[in-house]
Protein backbone atom coordinates (compact mmCIF):
# COMPACT_ATOMS: atom_id res chain seq x y z
CA ASP A 1 -22.82 33.43 -83.44
CA HIS A 2 -19.03 33.98 -83.50
CA ILE A 3 -19.15 37.57 -84.68
CA LEU A 4 -19.71 40.55 -82.42
CA TRP A 5 -20.63 43.66 -84.39
CA LYS A 6 -19.79 46.91 -82.58
CA ASP A 7 -20.61 49.82 -84.86
CA GLU A 8 -20.00 52.76 -82.57
CA TYR A 9 -17.26 54.98 -81.20
CA VAL A 10 -14.80 53.14 -78.96
CA SER A 11 -12.70 55.07 -76.44
CA GLU A 12 -8.91 54.71 -76.34
CA GLU A 13 -9.23 52.80 -73.07
CA GLU A 14 -11.67 50.33 -74.59
CA MET A 15 -9.75 50.00 -77.87
CA ALA A 16 -6.98 47.82 -76.40
CA PHE A 17 -9.61 45.45 -75.00
CA TRP A 18 -11.38 45.03 -78.34
CA LEU A 19 -8.17 44.62 -80.34
CA GLY A 20 -6.94 42.06 -77.84
CA ALA A 21 -10.20 40.14 -78.11
CA CYS A 22 -10.35 39.92 -81.90
CA ASP A 23 -8.67 37.38 -84.14
CA VAL A 24 -9.04 39.41 -87.35
CA LEU A 25 -9.70 43.12 -87.80
CA VAL A 26 -12.22 43.58 -90.63
CA LEU A 27 -12.24 46.92 -92.43
CA PRO A 28 -15.08 46.91 -94.98
CA TYR A 29 -14.65 50.49 -96.20
CA ARG A 30 -16.14 51.48 -99.57
CA ARG A 31 -14.06 54.68 -99.78
CA ILE A 32 -11.25 55.94 -97.58
CA SER A 33 -7.96 57.77 -97.83
CA SER A 34 -6.36 56.10 -94.80
CA SER A 35 -7.39 54.41 -91.57
CA ALA A 36 -6.14 54.98 -88.05
CA ILE A 37 -7.83 51.76 -86.94
CA ALA A 38 -5.76 49.83 -89.48
CA ALA A 39 -2.61 51.21 -87.85
CA ARG A 40 -3.96 50.27 -84.42
CA GLY A 41 -4.72 46.75 -85.66
CA ILE A 42 -1.20 46.36 -87.01
CA GLY A 43 0.17 47.66 -83.70
CA ALA A 44 -1.90 45.01 -81.92
CA ARG A 45 -0.53 42.39 -84.38
CA ARG A 46 -3.99 41.48 -85.70
CA PRO A 47 -4.28 40.46 -89.37
CA LEU A 48 -6.45 42.80 -91.43
CA ALA A 49 -9.23 41.75 -93.78
CA ALA A 50 -9.64 45.02 -95.65
CA SER A 51 -11.32 46.32 -98.75
CA ALA A 52 -8.85 47.33 -101.44
CA VAL A 53 -9.42 51.09 -101.25
CA GLY A 54 -7.27 54.14 -100.54
CA GLY A 55 -4.29 53.67 -98.28
CA LEU A 56 -5.46 50.22 -97.20
CA LYS A 57 -4.11 48.87 -100.51
CA GLU A 58 -0.66 50.01 -99.34
CA VAL A 59 -0.99 48.91 -95.71
CA VAL A 60 -2.36 45.42 -96.30
CA THR A 61 0.01 43.10 -98.09
CA PRO A 62 -1.86 39.89 -98.92
CA GLY A 63 -0.40 36.93 -97.08
CA VAL A 64 1.82 39.21 -94.98
CA THR A 65 -0.30 41.68 -92.95
CA GLY A 66 -3.73 40.43 -93.96
CA GLU A 67 -5.94 39.95 -96.99
CA LEU A 68 -7.69 42.35 -99.36
CA PHE A 69 -11.12 42.12 -100.99
CA GLU A 70 -13.12 44.22 -103.44
CA PRO A 71 -15.06 47.04 -101.78
CA GLY A 72 -18.74 46.24 -101.31
CA SER A 73 -18.26 42.50 -101.84
CA ALA A 74 -19.72 40.48 -98.97
CA SER A 75 -18.43 37.25 -100.49
CA GLY A 76 -14.99 38.84 -100.95
CA LEU A 77 -14.97 39.88 -97.30
CA ALA A 78 -15.95 36.37 -96.23
CA ASP A 79 -13.25 34.86 -98.47
CA ALA A 80 -10.59 37.21 -97.05
CA VAL A 81 -11.46 36.23 -93.48
CA ALA A 82 -11.56 32.54 -94.48
CA ARG A 83 -8.08 32.85 -96.07
CA ILE A 84 -6.70 34.34 -92.86
CA PHE A 85 -8.11 31.49 -90.76
CA ALA A 86 -7.03 28.87 -93.33
CA ARG A 87 -3.45 30.17 -93.23
CA GLY A 88 -3.60 30.63 -89.47
CA THR A 89 -3.45 34.00 -87.75
CA ASN A 90 0.09 33.32 -86.54
CA THR A 91 1.23 33.20 -90.18
CA TYR A 92 0.84 36.98 -90.28
CA LEU A 93 2.75 37.80 -87.08
CA ALA A 94 6.17 38.35 -88.66
CA GLY A 95 4.75 40.67 -91.33
CA LEU A 96 2.64 42.55 -88.80
CA ASP A 97 5.65 42.94 -86.54
CA ARG A 98 7.74 44.39 -89.40
CA ALA A 99 4.90 46.74 -90.38
CA ALA A 100 4.42 47.87 -86.78
CA GLN A 101 8.13 48.56 -86.34
CA GLU A 102 8.27 50.49 -89.60
CA ALA A 103 5.26 52.61 -88.60
CA ALA A 104 6.44 53.21 -85.01
CA TRP A 105 6.64 56.88 -84.04
CA PRO A 106 10.46 57.09 -83.88
CA ASN A 107 10.77 55.70 -87.42
CA TYR A 108 7.90 57.83 -88.72
CA ALA A 109 9.39 60.98 -87.18
CA GLY A 110 12.80 60.07 -88.61
CA ARG A 111 11.34 59.83 -92.12
CA ILE A 112 9.69 63.24 -91.70
CA LEU A 113 12.98 64.78 -90.58
CA GLU A 114 14.80 63.16 -93.50
CA PHE A 115 12.21 64.61 -95.87
CA ILE A 116 12.59 68.08 -94.36
CA ASP A 117 16.37 67.88 -94.59
CA SER A 118 16.22 66.70 -98.19
CA SER A 119 13.99 69.59 -99.24
CA ARG A 120 16.29 72.29 -97.86
CA PRO A 121 18.39 74.21 -100.42
């Protein structure tokens, strides 16, 4: 009775509302290369409970930005969420803040420009 499942498209306007309302962002992907919603969750400073697939393995640092679990494991998902609540969601704020700053557009664009400059003859 404490979980609201919303399995549908959410507009940009509505996204801020939902991220603000959640305590933990759960990403139970079975396969994925990367996730825009993971980036949005980090930007909203919400710890991620994510399956250990694709780019999520690089984005979610256990104990820092969230917790990982094996894809397809319902008990693993439940354990990851339980670990976040046991540690306290505020425990993740410093790591989420660092991750959000690192992924901010100015820093991201700077890394792209550095890459372009480094590949020039």
